[in-house]
Amino acid sequence: MTIRAKLYAAIAMTVLGPVVTLAVALGGMASLGDRFDDVADRSSRQALALDLKFAVTDLNGWQTAYGYDDGASRPRFEASRDATLRTIARARARLTDRREIALLDGLERDLRGFLALDDEAYAALRQGRTGRVREIFLGPEIERFSAMARAADELAAHEDDEVARTRRAFADSRRDTRRQLIAVAVGAGLLIVLLLVTAQDVARAALEQRAPEPPAR
C-alpha cells in the first residue's frame, strides 16, 4: 500500500470515525430510551393492577364490617365502593392490551353483580332482616368477591410478567449498546494506529526527499 493511499485512508477514517461513533452512540441511547420507557409504562400498569387488587379486597372487607355492626361502617363501604369504581375507570383508560381488557371486563361484570346484591343486602339490613343479610354475604357475595379477586390476581400476575419481559428487553438493549460501543472503540484504536503509521511513513518520505544526494565522482 503506497504512502498516498495510506494517507487518503487515514483522512477518510478521520472523517468517518467520529460520524460512525456518534451514530452508534445516538442509536444506542435511543434504543435504551425506548426500552426504559417500556419499563416505566409497564411498572405503572403493574402499580395500577395492584391498586385494583387492594380495592376489591377493601370493598369486601367494609361490606362485611357494616353487615356485622348494624350499618355503622356503611359510609366506609360507600367510600371504598366509589374508590373501586374510580380505580376501574383509571384501569380502563390505561390497560388496553387484549388480555388486560378481558380481565377488566370479567372483573367489572362481577363487580356489578356484587353491588346489585349489596343493594339488596343493605335494604334487608334497614328492614331488620339480618338473617337475609348474612345469607347474601356468606353465599352469592362470597362467590362474586372470589371471582373479582381471581381476576385481580390474574391481572396483577399478567403485569408482573410484562414488567419482567420489558426489563429483560432493556437489559438486552443495554448489552447490545455496550458491545457496539466497544467495537467502535476498537475501531478508533485501529484508526489511531493507522494514523501513527501513516505519519511515520510521510515523515520518512519527507526526510528521504530532503537528504542530499551523494557527490558525483
Protein backbone atom coordinates (compact mmCIF):
# COMPACT_ATOMS: atom_id res chain seq x y z
CA MET A 1 0.00 0.00 0.00
CA THR A 2 1.52 3.33 -1.06
CA ILE A 3 2.01 6.23 1.29
CA ARG A 4 -0.51 8.26 -0.66
CA ALA A 5 -3.12 5.50 -0.33
CA LYS A 6 -2.43 5.21 3.40
CA LEU A 7 -2.75 8.97 3.76
CA TYR A 8 -6.06 9.03 1.91
CA ALA A 9 -7.33 6.12 4.01
CA ALA A 10 -6.28 7.88 7.21
CA ILE A 11 -8.05 11.08 6.16
CA ALA A 12 -11.21 9.13 5.29
CA MET A 13 -11.18 7.30 8.62
CA THR A 14 -10.56 10.57 10.45
CA VAL A 15 -13.74 11.97 8.89
CA LEU A 16 -15.86 8.83 9.13
CA GLY A 17 -14.71 7.70 12.57
CA PRO A 18 -16.46 10.41 14.62
CA VAL A 19 -19.57 10.13 12.44
CA VAL A 20 -19.80 6.38 12.99
CA THR A 21 -19.12 6.77 16.73
CA LEU A 22 -21.80 9.43 17.07
CA ALA A 23 -24.31 7.39 15.05
CA VAL A 24 -23.74 4.28 17.17
CA ALA A 25 -23.94 6.26 20.41
CA LEU A 26 -27.15 8.05 19.40
CA GLY A 27 -28.73 4.83 18.14
CA GLY A 28 -27.83 3.03 21.34
CA MET A 29 -29.16 5.84 23.53
CA ALA A 30 -32.41 5.97 21.54
CA SER A 31 -32.88 2.22 21.89
CA LEU A 32 -32.15 2.36 25.62
CA GLY A 33 -34.57 5.27 25.97
CA ASP A 34 -37.34 3.31 24.26
CA ARG A 35 -36.74 0.25 26.41
CA PHE A 36 -36.64 2.40 29.57
CA ASP A 37 -39.97 3.98 28.59
CA ASP A 38 -41.42 0.49 28.14
CA VAL A 39 -40.24 -0.50 31.63
CA ALA A 40 -41.71 2.68 33.15
CA ASP A 41 -45.01 2.14 31.33
CA ARG A 42 -45.31 -1.47 32.45
CA SER A 43 -44.34 -0.58 36.01
CA SER A 44 -47.15 1.98 36.16
CA ARG A 45 -49.59 -0.64 34.84
CA GLN A 46 -48.36 -3.07 37.45
CA ALA A 47 -48.99 -0.50 40.19
CA LEU A 48 -52.50 0.09 38.86
CA ALA A 49 -53.25 -3.65 38.88
CA LEU A 50 -52.10 -3.85 42.50
CA ASP A 51 -54.32 -0.86 43.35
CA LEU A 52 -57.26 -2.70 41.82
CA LYS A 53 -56.42 -5.86 43.75
CA PHE A 54 -56.37 -3.90 47.01
CA ALA A 55 -59.59 -2.05 46.10
CA VAL A 56 -61.75 -5.15 45.71
CA THR A 57 -60.37 -6.65 48.91
CA ASP A 58 -61.01 -3.41 50.80
CA LEU A 59 -64.54 -3.25 49.38
CA ASN A 60 -65.41 -6.73 50.57
CA GLY A 61 -63.90 -6.05 53.99
CA TRP A 62 -66.02 -2.94 54.62
CA GLN A 63 -69.13 -4.71 53.37
CA THR A 64 -68.61 -7.48 55.89
CA ALA A 65 -67.96 -4.86 58.58
CA TYR A 66 -71.20 -2.93 58.06
CA GLY A 67 -73.15 -6.20 57.93
CA TYR A 68 -71.97 -7.06 61.43
CA ASP A 69 -72.07 -3.61 63.05
CA ASP A 70 -75.68 -2.83 62.04
CA GLY A 71 -74.64 -0.45 59.25
CA ALA A 72 -72.23 1.74 61.23
CA SER A 73 -69.46 1.07 58.68
CA ARG A 74 -71.70 1.68 55.68
CA PRO A 75 -70.12 5.12 54.90
CA ARG A 76 -66.68 3.47 54.81
CA PHE A 77 -68.07 0.84 52.45
CA GLU A 78 -69.53 3.51 50.18
CA ALA A 79 -66.21 5.37 50.11
CA SER A 80 -64.44 2.11 49.23
CA ARG A 81 -67.05 1.40 46.53
CA ASP A 82 -66.51 4.82 44.94
CA ALA A 83 -62.72 4.40 45.11
CA THR A 84 -63.00 0.99 43.44
CA LEU A 85 -65.11 2.42 40.62
CA ARG A 86 -62.57 5.21 40.10
CA THR A 87 -59.73 2.71 40.04
CA ILE A 88 -61.53 0.63 37.42
CA ALA A 89 -62.10 3.76 35.33
CA ARG A 90 -58.37 4.55 35.54
CA ALA A 91 -57.58 0.95 34.60
CA ARG A 92 -59.91 1.15 31.60
CA ALA A 93 -58.04 4.20 30.33
CA ARG A 94 -54.59 2.74 30.99
CA LEU A 95 -54.76 -1.02 30.46
CA THR A 96 -55.52 -1.55 26.81
CA ASP A 97 -53.99 -4.80 25.59
CA ARG A 98 -56.25 -7.75 24.84
CA ARG A 99 -55.52 -9.72 28.00
CA GLU A 100 -55.96 -6.67 30.22
CA ILE A 101 -59.29 -5.78 28.63
CA ALA A 102 -60.62 -9.33 29.00
CA LEU A 103 -59.72 -9.45 32.70
CA LEU A 104 -61.19 -6.00 33.33
CA ASP A 105 -64.40 -7.00 31.56
CA GLY A 106 -64.79 -10.01 33.83
CA LEU A 107 -63.91 -8.07 36.96
CA GLU A 108 -66.33 -5.25 36.16
CA ARG A 109 -69.12 -7.69 35.37
CA ASP A 110 -68.64 -9.41 38.74
CA LEU A 111 -68.44 -6.03 40.47
CA ARG A 112 -71.81 -5.01 39.04
CA GLY A 113 -73.30 -8.23 40.36
CA PHE A 114 -71.62 -7.70 43.72
CA LEU A 115 -73.04 -4.18 44.05
CA ALA A 116 -76.51 -5.27 42.96
CA LEU A 117 -76.54 -7.91 45.70
CA ASP A 118 -75.18 -5.34 48.13
CA ASP A 119 -78.16 -3.07 47.44
CA GLU A 120 -80.44 -5.96 48.31
CA ALA A 121 -78.46 -6.77 51.45
CA TYR A 122 -78.46 -3.17 52.66
CA ALA A 123 -82.21 -2.88 52.09
CA ALA A 124 -82.69 -6.04 54.17
CA LEU A 125 -80.42 -4.61 56.89
CA ARG A 126 -82.51 -1.45 57.17
CA GLN A 127 -85.60 -3.61 57.48
CA GLY A 128 -84.02 -5.53 60.32
CA ARG A 129 -83.74 -8.77 58.35
CA THR A 130 -80.22 -9.58 59.50
CA GLY A 131 -80.61 -13.23 58.60
CA ARG A 132 -81.11 -12.31 54.96
CA VAL A 133 -78.08 -10.01 55.10
CA ARG A 134 -75.84 -12.80 56.35
CA GLU A 135 -77.34 -15.20 53.82
CA ILE A 136 -76.36 -12.84 50.98
CA PHE A 137 -72.94 -12.02 52.39
CA LEU A 138 -71.97 -15.63 53.10
CA GLY A 139 -73.43 -17.00 49.87
CA PRO A 140 -73.54 -15.21 46.49
CA GLU A 141 -71.44 -12.24 47.66
CA ILE A 142 -68.59 -14.54 48.59
CA GLU A 143 -68.78 -16.03 45.10
CA ARG A 144 -68.75 -12.60 43.48
CA PHE A 145 -65.86 -11.41 45.60
CA SER A 146 -63.88 -14.59 44.86
CA ALA A 147 -64.38 -14.06 41.13
CA MET A 148 -63.26 -10.41 41.40
CA ALA A 149 -60.23 -11.40 43.46
CA ARG A 150 -59.24 -14.06 40.90
CA ALA A 151 -59.50 -11.57 38.06
CA ALA A 152 -57.46 -9.00 40.01
CA ASP A 153 -54.84 -11.66 40.83
CA GLU A 154 -54.60 -12.70 37.18
CA LEU A 155 -54.28 -9.08 36.10
CA ALA A 156 -51.50 -8.45 38.63
CA ALA A 157 -49.71 -11.64 37.51
CA HIS A 158 -50.03 -10.56 33.86
CA GLU A 159 -48.49 -7.18 34.68
CA ASP A 160 -45.68 -8.89 36.64
CA ASP A 161 -44.86 -10.97 33.56
CA GLU A 162 -44.91 -7.91 31.31
CA VAL A 163 -42.64 -5.95 33.67
CA ALA A 164 -40.17 -8.86 33.69
CA ARG A 165 -40.28 -9.02 29.88
CA THR A 166 -39.61 -5.31 29.40
CA ARG A 167 -36.78 -5.39 31.94
CA ARG A 168 -35.16 -8.25 30.03
CA ALA A 169 -35.54 -6.25 26.81
CA PHE A 170 -33.90 -3.24 28.49
CA ALA A 171 -31.02 -5.40 29.71
CA ASP A 172 -30.56 -6.88 26.23
CA SER A 173 -30.57 -3.41 24.65
CA ARG A 174 -28.04 -2.15 27.16
CA ARG A 175 -25.77 -5.14 26.49
CA ASP A 176 -26.04 -4.66 22.71
CA THR A 177 -25.26 -0.96 23.03
CA ARG A 178 -22.22 -1.73 25.18
CA ARG A 179 -20.95 -4.21 22.59
CA GLN A 180 -21.41 -1.70 19.78
CA LEU A 181 -19.55 0.99 21.68
CA ILE A 182 -16.72 -1.42 22.44
CA ALA A 183 -16.50 -2.28 18.73
CA VAL A 184 -16.37 1.41 17.87
CA ALA A 185 -13.66 1.94 20.50
CA VAL A 186 -11.60 -0.86 18.98
CA GLY A 187 -12.07 0.72 15.57
CA ALA A 188 -10.93 4.06 16.97
CA GLY A 189 -7.83 2.37 18.36
CA LEU A 190 -7.03 0.88 14.97
CA LEU A 191 -7.55 4.31 13.42
CA ILE A 192 -5.01 5.82 15.79
CA VAL A 193 -2.51 3.11 14.89
CA LEU A 194 -3.13 3.71 11.17
CA LEU A 195 -2.63 7.46 11.63
CA LEU A 196 0.64 6.91 13.52
CA VAL A 197 1.96 4.50 10.90
CA THR A 198 0.95 6.86 8.11
CA ALA A 199 2.58 9.81 9.87
CA GLN A 200 5.80 7.84 10.22
CA ASP A 201 5.73 6.90 6.54
CA VAL A 202 5.08 10.50 5.49
CA ALA A 203 7.86 11.76 7.76
CA ARG A 204 10.28 9.15 6.44
CA ALA A 205 9.44 10.02 2.86
CA ALA A 206 9.94 13.72 3.55
CA LEU A 207 13.33 13.05 5.13
CA GLU A 208 14.38 10.89 2.23
CA GLN A 209 13.43 13.62 -0.25
CA ARG A 210 15.39 16.24 1.70
CA ALA A 211 18.51 14.10 2.13
CA PRO A 212 21.41 15.47 0.00
CA GLU A 213 22.44 13.39 -2.96
CA PRO A 214 25.95 11.91 -2.75
CA PRO A 215 28.53 13.88 -4.84
CA ALA A 216 29.21 12.55 -8.28
CA ARG A 217 32.63 11.05 -8.86
